[in-house]
């Protein structure tokens, strides 16, 4: 019983620590909000590097993978992280976290359409409450809503919606690929999707001059 709760608890704790650290970094005097691609590249490098280390330690072959689906997943990961980090120029960090947390909604919709999944009444009600909470939070974020922050820009919200949609597409493709190739592990997916996205983001860093 304890083990069944330990990994989810560690995952939630790591997510909270990541969010808190990222928000702090975006507000320090070094101006990390002006270099979103550099921040994103560090996230890609960490995910792919630790995934490779895990596969090597468990003596699994890290290179036996279907490259076609993984390339599409890498593109979705790239779109999600880049658009989410760039959106921080126009929306507050709490808004980004809340909107990104609502990727359950498009994921459920795509699951129903593409994978013919069926969701229980409780799951549908949970999604509805999530929608209501998201709308209420974004309305309260502006100066007139009592949130004490600046109003969220439509451009920033649009970028967050792009990020959430990319997350949902990534989940569906990953699930279908894992069913087709049962020898794959989540670490294989993380290694190659984040690794390919890292190469693309390094090109973007050089092209935009963020490395200077």
N, C-alpha and C. Protein backbone atom coordinates (compact mmCIF):
# COMPACT_ATOMS: atom_id res chain seq x y z
N UNK A 1 0.83 -1.20 0.00
CA UNK A 1 0.00 0.00 0.00
C UNK A 1 0.87 1.26 0.00
N UNK A 2 1.94 1.21 0.81
CA UNK A 2 2.83 2.36 0.91
C UNK A 2 3.54 2.61 -0.42
N UNK A 3 3.96 1.52 -1.08
CA UNK A 3 4.66 1.68 -2.36
C UNK A 3 3.76 2.27 -3.43
N UNK A 4 2.49 1.90 -3.40
CA UNK A 4 1.57 2.41 -4.42
C UNK A 4 1.38 3.91 -4.32
N UNK A 5 1.63 4.47 -3.15
CA UNK A 5 1.51 5.92 -2.96
C UNK A 5 2.85 6.64 -3.06
N UNK A 6 3.94 5.90 -2.92
CA UNK A 6 5.25 6.54 -2.85
C UNK A 6 5.64 7.20 -4.17
N UNK A 7 5.54 6.46 -5.28
CA UNK A 7 5.94 7.02 -6.57
C UNK A 7 5.07 8.21 -6.99
N UNK A 8 3.72 8.11 -6.88
CA UNK A 8 2.92 9.30 -7.21
C UNK A 8 3.25 10.51 -6.33
N UNK A 9 3.52 10.25 -5.03
CA UNK A 9 3.87 11.35 -4.14
C UNK A 9 5.19 11.99 -4.55
N UNK A 10 6.16 11.16 -4.92
CA UNK A 10 7.45 11.70 -5.38
C UNK A 10 7.28 12.49 -6.67
N UNK A 11 6.41 12.00 -7.58
CA UNK A 11 6.18 12.69 -8.84
C UNK A 11 5.55 14.06 -8.60
N UNK A 12 4.57 14.11 -7.70
CA UNK A 12 3.92 15.38 -7.40
C UNK A 12 4.90 16.35 -6.74
N UNK A 13 5.72 15.83 -5.81
CA UNK A 13 6.70 16.67 -5.13
C UNK A 13 7.72 17.23 -6.12
N UNK A 14 8.17 16.38 -7.05
CA UNK A 14 9.13 16.84 -8.06
C UNK A 14 8.50 17.89 -8.97
N UNK A 15 7.23 17.70 -9.32
CA UNK A 15 6.55 18.68 -10.16
C UNK A 15 6.41 20.02 -9.46
N UNK A 16 6.08 19.99 -8.18
CA UNK A 16 5.96 21.24 -7.41
C UNK A 16 7.32 21.94 -7.30
N UNK A 17 8.36 21.15 -7.04
CA UNK A 17 9.70 21.74 -6.93
C UNK A 17 10.13 22.36 -8.26
N UNK A 18 9.85 21.66 -9.36
CA UNK A 18 10.18 22.19 -10.69
C UNK A 18 9.45 23.49 -10.97
N UNK A 19 8.15 23.53 -10.65
CA UNK A 19 7.36 24.75 -10.90
C UNK A 19 7.86 25.91 -10.06
N UNK A 20 8.14 25.65 -8.77
CA UNK A 20 8.60 26.72 -7.89
C UNK A 20 9.96 27.25 -8.33
N UNK A 21 10.86 26.34 -8.71
CA UNK A 21 12.19 26.77 -9.14
C UNK A 21 12.13 27.54 -10.44
N UNK A 22 11.30 27.07 -11.38
CA UNK A 22 11.19 27.77 -12.66
C UNK A 22 10.62 29.16 -12.48
N UNK A 23 9.60 29.29 -11.64
CA UNK A 23 9.03 30.62 -11.40
C UNK A 23 10.06 31.55 -10.78
N UNK A 24 10.85 31.04 -9.84
CA UNK A 24 11.87 31.88 -9.20
C UNK A 24 12.92 32.31 -10.21
N UNK A 25 13.33 31.40 -11.08
CA UNK A 25 14.34 31.73 -12.07
C UNK A 25 13.85 32.78 -13.05
N UNK A 26 12.54 32.76 -13.36
CA UNK A 26 12.01 33.71 -14.31
C UNK A 26 11.85 35.11 -13.70
N UNK A 27 12.09 35.24 -12.40
CA UNK A 27 11.95 36.54 -11.76
C UNK A 27 13.27 37.07 -11.19
N UNK A 28 14.37 36.34 -11.38
CA UNK A 28 15.64 36.85 -10.90
C UNK A 28 16.18 37.89 -11.86
N UNK A 29 17.20 38.57 -11.44
CA UNK A 29 17.69 39.72 -12.20
C UNK A 29 18.39 39.32 -13.50
N UNK A 30 18.67 38.02 -13.70
CA UNK A 30 19.35 37.61 -14.91
C UNK A 30 18.43 37.65 -16.13
N UNK A 31 17.13 37.78 -15.92
CA UNK A 31 16.20 37.93 -17.03
C UNK A 31 15.98 36.66 -17.84
N UNK A 32 15.72 35.55 -17.16
CA UNK A 32 15.50 34.30 -17.88
C UNK A 32 14.23 34.31 -18.71
N UNK A 33 13.31 35.24 -18.42
CA UNK A 33 12.10 35.33 -19.24
C UNK A 33 12.43 35.78 -20.66
N UNK A 34 13.63 36.35 -20.85
CA UNK A 34 14.05 36.78 -22.19
C UNK A 34 14.80 35.68 -22.95
N UNK A 35 15.03 34.53 -22.30
CA UNK A 35 15.73 33.42 -22.97
C UNK A 35 14.94 32.12 -22.76
N UNK A 36 13.69 32.09 -23.23
CA UNK A 36 12.87 30.88 -23.01
C UNK A 36 13.43 29.64 -23.68
N UNK A 37 14.14 29.82 -24.81
CA UNK A 37 14.67 28.65 -25.50
C UNK A 37 15.82 28.01 -24.71
N UNK A 38 16.61 28.83 -24.04
CA UNK A 38 17.70 28.30 -23.21
C UNK A 38 17.14 27.49 -22.05
N UNK A 39 16.09 28.02 -21.41
CA UNK A 39 15.45 27.31 -20.31
C UNK A 39 14.87 25.99 -20.81
N UNK A 40 14.22 26.03 -21.97
CA UNK A 40 13.63 24.82 -22.54
C UNK A 40 14.69 23.79 -22.89
N UNK A 41 15.83 24.25 -23.41
CA UNK A 41 16.89 23.31 -23.79
C UNK A 41 17.42 22.57 -22.57
N UNK A 42 17.50 23.25 -21.43
CA UNK A 42 17.96 22.59 -20.21
C UNK A 42 16.98 21.50 -19.79
N UNK A 43 15.68 21.76 -19.93
CA UNK A 43 14.67 20.76 -19.57
C UNK A 43 14.78 19.54 -20.49
N UNK A 44 14.95 19.79 -21.80
CA UNK A 44 15.10 18.70 -22.75
C UNK A 44 16.34 17.87 -22.44
N UNK A 45 17.46 18.55 -22.19
CA UNK A 45 18.72 17.85 -21.93
C UNK A 45 18.62 17.00 -20.66
N UNK A 46 17.98 17.52 -19.63
CA UNK A 46 17.84 16.76 -18.38
C UNK A 46 17.00 15.52 -18.59
N UNK A 47 15.87 15.66 -19.26
CA UNK A 47 14.97 14.51 -19.48
C UNK A 47 15.64 13.43 -20.31
N UNK A 48 16.27 13.83 -21.41
CA UNK A 48 16.91 12.83 -22.28
C UNK A 48 18.13 12.21 -21.61
N UNK A 49 18.91 13.01 -20.90
CA UNK A 49 20.12 12.51 -20.24
C UNK A 49 19.82 11.50 -19.14
N UNK A 50 18.88 11.81 -18.28
CA UNK A 50 18.54 10.89 -17.19
C UNK A 50 17.85 9.64 -17.73
N UNK A 51 17.09 9.76 -18.82
CA UNK A 51 16.45 8.59 -19.42
C UNK A 51 17.50 7.64 -19.99
N UNK A 52 18.49 8.21 -20.67
CA UNK A 52 19.57 7.38 -21.20
C UNK A 52 20.33 6.69 -20.08
N UNK A 53 20.61 7.40 -19.01
CA UNK A 53 21.31 6.81 -17.87
C UNK A 53 20.52 5.64 -17.29
N UNK A 54 19.22 5.81 -17.17
CA UNK A 54 18.37 4.74 -16.62
C UNK A 54 18.41 3.50 -17.52
N UNK A 55 18.28 3.71 -18.83
CA UNK A 55 18.29 2.57 -19.76
C UNK A 55 19.63 1.85 -19.73
N UNK A 56 20.72 2.59 -19.61
CA UNK A 56 22.04 1.96 -19.55
C UNK A 56 22.21 1.19 -18.25
N UNK A 57 21.72 1.73 -17.15
CA UNK A 57 21.83 1.04 -15.86
C UNK A 57 20.99 -0.24 -15.82
N UNK A 58 19.85 -0.22 -16.50
CA UNK A 58 18.99 -1.41 -16.54
C UNK A 58 19.35 -2.34 -17.69
N UNK A 59 20.38 -2.00 -18.44
CA UNK A 59 20.90 -2.82 -19.53
C UNK A 59 19.85 -3.08 -20.62
N UNK A 60 19.06 -2.07 -20.90
CA UNK A 60 18.12 -2.14 -22.01
C UNK A 60 18.71 -1.41 -23.21
N UNK A 61 18.34 -1.85 -24.39
CA UNK A 61 18.85 -1.25 -25.62
C UNK A 61 18.14 0.09 -25.85
N UNK A 62 18.85 1.21 -25.74
CA UNK A 62 18.17 2.51 -25.89
C UNK A 62 17.88 2.90 -27.34
N UNK A 63 18.41 2.15 -28.32
CA UNK A 63 18.32 2.58 -29.71
C UNK A 63 17.33 1.75 -30.53
N UNK A 64 16.73 0.74 -29.92
CA UNK A 64 15.75 -0.08 -30.64
C UNK A 64 14.37 0.57 -30.50
N UNK A 65 14.08 1.51 -31.39
CA UNK A 65 12.85 2.30 -31.28
C UNK A 65 12.30 2.58 -32.68
N UNK A 66 10.98 2.82 -32.79
CA UNK A 66 10.39 3.28 -34.06
C UNK A 66 10.58 4.78 -34.21
N UNK A 67 11.41 5.19 -35.14
CA UNK A 67 11.78 6.60 -35.23
C UNK A 67 10.67 7.50 -35.77
N UNK A 68 9.78 6.95 -36.61
CA UNK A 68 8.71 7.76 -37.18
C UNK A 68 7.78 8.35 -36.13
N UNK A 69 7.12 7.48 -35.32
CA UNK A 69 6.24 8.02 -34.27
C UNK A 69 6.98 8.88 -33.26
N UNK A 70 8.22 8.52 -32.93
CA UNK A 70 8.97 9.29 -31.95
C UNK A 70 9.31 10.69 -32.49
N UNK A 71 9.50 10.81 -33.79
CA UNK A 71 9.75 12.13 -34.36
C UNK A 71 8.52 13.03 -34.19
N UNK A 72 7.34 12.47 -34.40
CA UNK A 72 6.11 13.25 -34.21
C UNK A 72 5.94 13.63 -32.75
N UNK A 73 6.23 12.69 -31.85
CA UNK A 73 6.15 12.99 -30.41
C UNK A 73 7.13 14.08 -30.04
N UNK A 74 8.36 14.01 -30.60
CA UNK A 74 9.36 15.04 -30.33
C UNK A 74 8.87 16.41 -30.79
N UNK A 75 8.21 16.45 -31.92
CA UNK A 75 7.67 17.72 -32.42
C UNK A 75 6.61 18.26 -31.46
N UNK A 76 5.75 17.39 -30.96
CA UNK A 76 4.72 17.83 -30.02
C UNK A 76 5.33 18.32 -28.71
N UNK A 77 6.35 17.60 -28.23
CA UNK A 77 7.05 18.02 -27.00
C UNK A 77 7.69 19.39 -27.20
N UNK A 78 8.31 19.57 -28.37
CA UNK A 78 8.96 20.84 -28.69
C UNK A 78 7.94 21.98 -28.71
N UNK A 79 6.83 21.77 -29.40
CA UNK A 79 5.79 22.80 -29.48
C UNK A 79 5.25 23.14 -28.10
N UNK A 80 5.02 22.10 -27.29
CA UNK A 80 4.43 22.31 -25.97
C UNK A 80 5.33 23.14 -25.06
N UNK A 81 6.58 22.72 -24.93
CA UNK A 81 7.48 23.41 -23.99
C UNK A 81 7.85 24.81 -24.47
N UNK A 82 8.11 24.95 -25.77
CA UNK A 82 8.51 26.26 -26.28
C UNK A 82 7.37 27.26 -26.16
N UNK A 83 6.18 26.87 -26.63
CA UNK A 83 5.04 27.80 -26.56
C UNK A 83 4.67 28.10 -25.11
N UNK A 84 4.76 27.10 -24.23
CA UNK A 84 4.46 27.34 -22.82
C UNK A 84 5.43 28.30 -22.16
N UNK A 85 6.71 28.16 -22.45
CA UNK A 85 7.70 29.05 -21.85
C UNK A 85 7.64 30.46 -22.45
N UNK A 86 7.38 30.56 -23.76
CA UNK A 86 7.27 31.89 -24.37
C UNK A 86 6.03 32.61 -23.85
N UNK A 87 4.97 31.86 -23.55
CA UNK A 87 3.73 32.46 -23.05
C UNK A 87 3.94 33.22 -21.75
N UNK A 88 5.00 32.89 -21.01
CA UNK A 88 5.26 33.57 -19.74
C UNK A 88 5.58 35.05 -19.92
N UNK A 89 5.82 35.47 -21.15
CA UNK A 89 6.02 36.90 -21.40
C UNK A 89 4.70 37.67 -21.28
N UNK A 90 3.57 36.98 -21.43
CA UNK A 90 2.27 37.66 -21.47
C UNK A 90 1.28 37.17 -20.42
N UNK A 91 1.57 36.07 -19.74
CA UNK A 91 0.67 35.59 -18.68
C UNK A 91 1.49 35.33 -17.43
N UNK A 92 0.81 35.32 -16.29
CA UNK A 92 1.49 35.03 -15.04
C UNK A 92 1.80 33.53 -14.94
N UNK A 93 2.77 33.21 -14.11
CA UNK A 93 3.17 31.80 -13.98
C UNK A 93 2.04 30.93 -13.44
N UNK A 94 1.28 31.37 -12.41
CA UNK A 94 0.16 30.53 -11.95
C UNK A 94 -0.84 30.20 -13.05
N UNK A 95 -1.11 31.16 -13.94
CA UNK A 95 -2.03 30.89 -15.05
C UNK A 95 -1.46 29.80 -15.95
N UNK A 96 -0.17 29.86 -16.23
CA UNK A 96 0.45 28.83 -17.06
C UNK A 96 0.29 27.45 -16.43
N UNK A 97 0.56 27.37 -15.13
CA UNK A 97 0.48 26.08 -14.44
C UNK A 97 -0.94 25.53 -14.48
N UNK A 98 -1.93 26.39 -14.22
CA UNK A 98 -3.32 25.94 -14.21
C UNK A 98 -3.76 25.48 -15.59
N UNK A 99 -3.46 26.27 -16.62
CA UNK A 99 -3.89 25.91 -17.97
C UNK A 99 -3.20 24.63 -18.43
N UNK A 100 -1.89 24.51 -18.18
CA UNK A 100 -1.17 23.31 -18.58
C UNK A 100 -1.69 22.08 -17.84
N UNK A 101 -2.17 22.28 -16.62
CA UNK A 101 -2.71 21.16 -15.84
C UNK A 101 -4.02 20.65 -16.42
N UNK A 102 -4.64 21.45 -17.27
CA UNK A 102 -5.94 21.08 -17.84
C UNK A 102 -5.80 20.34 -19.16
N UNK A 103 -4.62 19.79 -19.44
CA UNK A 103 -4.48 19.01 -20.68
C UNK A 103 -5.33 17.75 -20.66
N UNK A 104 -5.86 17.41 -19.48
CA UNK A 104 -6.78 16.28 -19.38
C UNK A 104 -7.97 16.45 -20.32
N UNK A 105 -8.44 17.67 -20.49
CA UNK A 105 -9.65 17.91 -21.28
C UNK A 105 -9.47 17.56 -22.75
N UNK A 106 -8.47 18.14 -23.46
CA UNK A 106 -8.28 17.72 -24.86
C UNK A 106 -7.82 16.27 -24.98
N UNK A 107 -7.12 15.76 -23.96
CA UNK A 107 -6.70 14.37 -24.00
C UNK A 107 -7.90 13.43 -23.99
N UNK A 108 -8.89 13.73 -23.13
CA UNK A 108 -10.11 12.93 -23.09
C UNK A 108 -10.89 13.04 -24.40
N UNK A 109 -10.96 14.24 -24.94
CA UNK A 109 -11.69 14.44 -26.19
C UNK A 109 -11.05 13.66 -27.33
N UNK A 110 -9.73 13.74 -27.46
CA UNK A 110 -9.04 13.02 -28.52
C UNK A 110 -9.08 11.52 -28.29
N UNK A 111 -9.04 11.10 -27.02
CA UNK A 111 -9.13 9.67 -26.71
C UNK A 111 -10.46 9.10 -27.16
N UNK A 112 -11.51 9.86 -26.99
CA UNK A 112 -12.84 9.41 -27.42
C UNK A 112 -12.94 9.32 -28.93
N UNK A 113 -12.33 10.30 -29.63
CA UNK A 113 -12.44 10.35 -31.09
C UNK A 113 -11.49 9.39 -31.79
N UNK A 114 -10.25 9.32 -31.29
CA UNK A 114 -9.22 8.56 -32.00
C UNK A 114 -9.09 7.12 -31.50
N UNK A 115 -9.15 6.92 -30.18
CA UNK A 115 -8.95 5.59 -29.62
C UNK A 115 -10.25 4.93 -29.17
N UNK A 116 -11.37 5.62 -29.41
CA UNK A 116 -12.70 5.09 -29.05
C UNK A 116 -12.80 4.75 -27.56
N UNK A 117 -12.18 5.57 -26.73
CA UNK A 117 -12.25 5.35 -25.29
C UNK A 117 -13.61 5.78 -24.75
N UNK A 118 -14.01 5.16 -23.64
CA UNK A 118 -15.23 5.54 -22.98
C UNK A 118 -14.91 5.96 -21.55
N UNK A 119 -15.46 7.08 -21.13
CA UNK A 119 -15.17 7.61 -19.80
C UNK A 119 -16.43 7.55 -18.94
N UNK A 120 -16.23 7.24 -17.66
CA UNK A 120 -17.35 7.11 -16.74
C UNK A 120 -17.97 8.47 -16.45
N UNK A 121 -19.15 8.44 -15.85
CA UNK A 121 -19.81 9.68 -15.49
C UNK A 121 -18.97 10.49 -14.51
N UNK A 122 -18.31 9.80 -13.57
CA UNK A 122 -17.45 10.50 -12.61
C UNK A 122 -16.30 11.21 -13.28
N UNK A 123 -15.69 10.56 -14.28
CA UNK A 123 -14.58 11.19 -15.01
C UNK A 123 -15.07 12.38 -15.82
N UNK A 124 -16.26 12.26 -16.40
CA UNK A 124 -16.80 13.38 -17.17
C UNK A 124 -17.14 14.57 -16.26
N UNK A 125 -17.67 14.27 -15.07
CA UNK A 125 -17.97 15.34 -14.11
C UNK A 125 -16.69 16.01 -13.62
N UNK A 126 -15.65 15.22 -13.42
CA UNK A 126 -14.35 15.78 -13.00
C UNK A 126 -13.81 16.73 -14.06
N UNK A 127 -13.94 16.35 -15.33
CA UNK A 127 -13.49 17.21 -16.42
C UNK A 127 -14.29 18.50 -16.46
N UNK A 128 -15.60 18.40 -16.23
CA UNK A 128 -16.45 19.59 -16.21
C UNK A 128 -16.05 20.53 -15.08
N UNK A 129 -15.81 19.99 -13.89
CA UNK A 129 -15.39 20.82 -12.76
C UNK A 129 -14.03 21.46 -13.04
N UNK A 130 -13.18 20.72 -13.74
CA UNK A 130 -11.87 21.28 -14.10
C UNK A 130 -12.04 22.48 -15.02
N UNK A 131 -12.97 22.38 -15.98
CA UNK A 131 -13.26 23.50 -16.89
C UNK A 131 -13.74 24.71 -16.10
N UNK A 132 -14.66 24.47 -15.18
CA UNK A 132 -15.20 25.57 -14.38
C UNK A 132 -14.11 26.24 -13.56
N UNK A 133 -13.26 25.42 -12.96
CA UNK A 133 -12.15 25.97 -12.17
C UNK A 133 -11.19 26.77 -13.01
N UNK A 134 -10.90 26.30 -14.22
CA UNK A 134 -9.99 27.02 -15.12
C UNK A 134 -10.56 28.38 -15.50
N UNK A 135 -11.85 28.41 -15.86
CA UNK A 135 -12.49 29.67 -16.24
C UNK A 135 -12.48 30.64 -15.07
N UNK A 136 -12.81 30.15 -13.89
CA UNK A 136 -12.83 31.01 -12.70
C UNK A 136 -11.46 31.57 -12.36
N UNK A 137 -10.43 30.74 -12.51
CA UNK A 137 -9.08 31.20 -12.18
C UNK A 137 -8.60 32.27 -13.15
N UNK A 138 -8.83 32.05 -14.45
CA UNK A 138 -8.37 33.02 -15.42
C UNK A 138 -9.13 34.35 -15.30
N UNK A 139 -10.41 34.30 -14.94
CA UNK A 139 -11.18 35.53 -14.75
C UNK A 139 -10.70 36.29 -13.52
N UNK A 140 -10.28 35.56 -12.49
CA UNK A 140 -9.82 36.21 -11.26
C UNK A 140 -8.40 36.70 -11.34
N UNK A 141 -7.68 36.38 -12.43
CA UNK A 141 -6.27 36.74 -12.52
C UNK A 141 -6.07 38.22 -12.84
N UNK A 142 -7.06 38.86 -13.42
CA UNK A 142 -6.90 40.26 -13.81
C UNK A 142 -7.02 41.19 -12.63
N UNK A 143 -6.69 42.49 -12.81
CA UNK A 143 -6.77 43.47 -11.72
C UNK A 143 -8.18 43.62 -11.16
N UNK A 144 -9.18 43.49 -12.02
CA UNK A 144 -10.55 43.64 -11.54
C UNK A 144 -11.12 42.38 -10.94
N UNK A 145 -10.38 41.29 -11.01
CA UNK A 145 -10.90 40.03 -10.50
C UNK A 145 -10.48 39.70 -9.11
N UNK A 146 -9.71 40.57 -8.49
CA UNK A 146 -9.28 40.32 -7.12
C UNK A 146 -8.04 39.46 -7.01
N UNK A 147 -7.46 39.09 -8.16
CA UNK A 147 -6.26 38.27 -8.11
C UNK A 147 -5.00 39.06 -7.87
N UNK A 148 -5.06 40.35 -8.07
CA UNK A 148 -3.90 41.20 -7.81
C UNK A 148 -2.85 41.18 -8.89
N UNK A 149 -3.11 40.50 -10.02
CA UNK A 149 -2.12 40.45 -11.08
C UNK A 149 -2.58 41.20 -12.30
N UNK A 150 -1.72 41.20 -13.33
CA UNK A 150 -2.10 41.81 -14.59
C UNK A 150 -3.01 40.87 -15.36
N UNK A 151 -3.86 41.45 -16.19
CA UNK A 151 -4.76 40.63 -16.99
C UNK A 151 -3.96 39.79 -17.97
N UNK A 152 -4.38 38.55 -18.15
CA UNK A 152 -3.68 37.65 -19.07
C UNK A 152 -3.92 38.10 -20.50
N UNK A 153 -2.85 38.13 -21.28
CA UNK A 153 -2.94 38.56 -22.68
C UNK A 153 -3.57 37.45 -23.52
N UNK A 154 -4.41 37.82 -24.49
CA UNK A 154 -4.97 36.80 -25.41
C UNK A 154 -3.87 36.03 -26.14
N UNK A 155 -2.77 36.71 -26.47
CA UNK A 155 -1.66 36.03 -27.14
C UNK A 155 -1.07 34.96 -26.22
N UNK A 156 -0.86 35.32 -24.96
CA UNK A 156 -0.32 34.35 -24.01
C UNK A 156 -1.24 33.17 -23.81
N UNK A 157 -2.55 33.43 -23.68
CA UNK A 157 -3.51 32.35 -23.52
C UNK A 157 -3.56 31.48 -24.77
N UNK A 158 -3.43 32.10 -25.94
CA UNK A 158 -3.41 31.33 -27.18
C UNK A 158 -2.22 30.39 -27.24
N UNK A 159 -1.05 30.88 -26.81
CA UNK A 159 0.14 30.03 -26.79
C UNK A 159 -0.03 28.87 -25.81
N UNK A 160 -0.67 29.13 -24.68
CA UNK A 160 -0.91 28.06 -23.71
C UNK A 160 -1.87 27.01 -24.27
N UNK A 161 -2.87 27.45 -25.01
CA UNK A 161 -3.80 26.49 -25.63
C UNK A 161 -3.07 25.63 -26.67
N UNK A 162 -2.13 26.24 -27.40
CA UNK A 162 -1.32 25.48 -28.35
C UNK A 162 -0.51 24.42 -27.60
N UNK A 163 0.08 24.82 -26.46
CA UNK A 163 0.87 23.90 -25.66
C UNK A 163 0.03 22.74 -25.14
N UNK A 164 -1.16 23.04 -24.65
CA UNK A 164 -2.04 22.01 -24.10
C UNK A 164 -2.49 21.04 -25.20
N UNK A 165 -2.80 21.58 -26.37
CA UNK A 165 -3.21 20.72 -27.49
C UNK A 165 -2.07 19.80 -27.92
N UNK A 166 -0.86 20.34 -27.96
CA UNK A 166 0.31 19.52 -28.30
C UNK A 166 0.52 18.42 -27.27
N UNK A 167 0.31 18.73 -26.00
CA UNK A 167 0.41 17.72 -24.94
C UNK A 167 -0.59 16.59 -25.17
N UNK A 168 -1.81 16.95 -25.52
CA UNK A 168 -2.86 15.95 -25.73
C UNK A 168 -2.53 15.05 -26.92
N UNK A 169 -2.05 15.64 -28.01
CA UNK A 169 -1.67 14.84 -29.18
C UNK A 169 -0.52 13.90 -28.84
N UNK A 170 0.44 14.42 -28.06
CA UNK A 170 1.58 13.60 -27.66
C UNK A 170 1.14 12.39 -26.86
N UNK A 171 0.21 12.58 -25.93
CA UNK A 171 -0.28 11.48 -25.10
C UNK A 171 -0.94 10.40 -25.95
N UNK A 172 -1.76 10.82 -26.91
CA UNK A 172 -2.47 9.85 -27.75
C UNK A 172 -1.50 9.06 -28.62
N UNK A 173 -0.53 9.75 -29.23
CA UNK A 173 0.44 9.05 -30.08
C UNK A 173 1.30 8.11 -29.25
N UNK A 174 1.70 8.55 -28.06
CA UNK A 174 2.52 7.71 -27.18
C UNK A 174 1.77 6.45 -26.78
N UNK A 175 0.50 6.61 -26.41
CA UNK A 175 -0.28 5.45 -25.98
C UNK A 175 -0.45 4.46 -27.12
N UNK A 176 -0.75 4.96 -28.30
CA UNK A 176 -0.92 4.06 -29.46
C UNK A 176 0.40 3.37 -29.79
N UNK A 177 1.52 4.10 -29.71
CA UNK A 177 2.82 3.51 -30.04
C UNK A 177 3.21 2.45 -29.01
N UNK A 178 2.93 2.69 -27.74
CA UNK A 178 3.27 1.71 -26.70
C UNK A 178 2.46 0.43 -26.87
N UNK A 179 1.25 0.54 -27.39
CA UNK A 179 0.45 -0.66 -27.66
C UNK A 179 1.01 -1.43 -28.84
N UNK A 180 1.49 -0.70 -29.85
CA UNK A 180 2.01 -1.34 -31.07
C UNK A 180 3.37 -1.97 -30.83
N UNK A 181 4.20 -1.32 -30.01
CA UNK A 181 5.55 -1.80 -29.72
C UNK A 181 5.69 -2.06 -28.22
N UNK A 182 5.27 -3.24 -27.76
CA UNK A 182 5.26 -3.51 -26.31
C UNK A 182 6.64 -3.54 -25.65
N UNK A 183 7.71 -3.65 -26.44
CA UNK A 183 9.05 -3.67 -25.86
C UNK A 183 9.51 -2.27 -25.45
N UNK A 184 8.80 -1.24 -25.89
CA UNK A 184 9.18 0.12 -25.53
C UNK A 184 8.83 0.41 -24.07
N UNK A 185 9.63 1.27 -23.46
CA UNK A 185 9.35 1.76 -22.12
C UNK A 185 9.18 3.28 -22.17
N UNK A 186 8.58 3.88 -21.16
CA UNK A 186 8.49 5.36 -21.13
C UNK A 186 9.85 6.03 -21.23
N UNK A 187 10.90 5.36 -20.74
CA UNK A 187 12.24 5.94 -20.81
C UNK A 187 12.73 6.03 -22.25
N UNK A 188 12.39 5.03 -23.08
CA UNK A 188 12.74 5.11 -24.50
C UNK A 188 12.08 6.33 -25.14
N UNK A 189 10.81 6.53 -24.82
CA UNK A 189 10.08 7.65 -25.40
C UNK A 189 10.68 8.98 -24.95
N UNK A 190 10.98 9.10 -23.65
CA UNK A 190 11.56 10.35 -23.14
C UNK A 190 12.93 10.62 -23.74
N UNK A 191 13.74 9.57 -23.85
CA UNK A 191 15.09 9.75 -24.38
C UNK A 191 15.06 10.32 -25.80
N UNK A 192 14.32 9.67 -26.68
CA UNK A 192 14.37 10.06 -28.09
C UNK A 192 13.53 11.29 -28.40
N UNK A 193 12.36 11.41 -27.77
CA UNK A 193 11.54 12.59 -28.06
C UNK A 193 12.21 13.86 -27.54
N UNK A 194 12.74 13.81 -26.32
CA UNK A 194 13.42 14.99 -25.78
C UNK A 194 14.77 15.23 -26.45
N UNK A 195 15.44 14.14 -26.84
CA UNK A 195 16.72 14.30 -27.51
C UNK A 195 16.58 14.97 -28.87
N UNK A 196 15.60 14.52 -29.66
CA UNK A 196 15.37 15.14 -30.96
C UNK A 196 14.90 16.58 -30.82
N UNK A 197 14.05 16.82 -29.82
CA UNK A 197 13.59 18.19 -29.59
C UNK A 197 14.75 19.09 -29.15
N UNK A 198 15.68 18.53 -28.40
CA UNK A 198 16.85 19.31 -27.95
C UNK A 198 17.68 19.78 -29.15
N UNK A 199 17.88 18.90 -30.12
CA UNK A 199 18.64 19.30 -31.31
C UNK A 199 17.95 20.46 -32.04
N UNK A 200 16.62 20.37 -32.14
CA UNK A 200 15.88 21.45 -32.81
C UNK A 200 15.97 22.76 -32.03
N UNK A 201 15.91 22.67 -30.71
CA UNK A 201 15.92 23.88 -29.91
C UNK A 201 17.31 24.52 -29.91
N UNK A 202 18.37 23.72 -30.02
CA UNK A 202 19.72 24.29 -30.11
C UNK A 202 19.89 25.08 -31.39
N UNK A 203 19.29 24.60 -32.46
CA UNK A 203 19.31 25.36 -33.72
C UNK A 203 18.57 26.69 -33.53
N UNK A 204 17.44 26.63 -32.83
CA UNK A 204 16.67 27.85 -32.58
C UNK A 204 17.43 28.85 -31.72
N UNK A 205 18.17 28.35 -30.74
CA UNK A 205 18.97 29.23 -29.88
C UNK A 205 20.01 29.98 -30.68
N UNK A 206 20.69 29.26 -31.58
CA UNK A 206 21.72 29.89 -32.40
C UNK A 206 21.07 30.90 -33.36
N UNK A 207 19.92 30.52 -33.93
CA UNK A 207 19.27 31.39 -34.91
C UNK A 207 18.75 32.68 -34.27
N UNK A 208 18.27 32.59 -33.02
CA UNK A 208 17.71 33.78 -32.36
C UNK A 208 18.76 34.57 -31.58
N UNK A 209 19.94 34.01 -31.41
CA UNK A 209 20.98 34.71 -30.68
C UNK A 209 20.85 34.66 -29.17
N UNK A 210 20.03 33.74 -28.64
CA UNK A 210 19.88 33.66 -27.18
C UNK A 210 21.15 33.18 -26.49
N UNK A 211 22.03 32.52 -27.24
CA UNK A 211 23.25 32.01 -26.62
C UNK A 211 24.27 33.12 -26.39
N UNK A 212 24.05 34.28 -26.97
CA UNK A 212 25.05 35.36 -26.87
C UNK A 212 25.00 36.02 -25.50
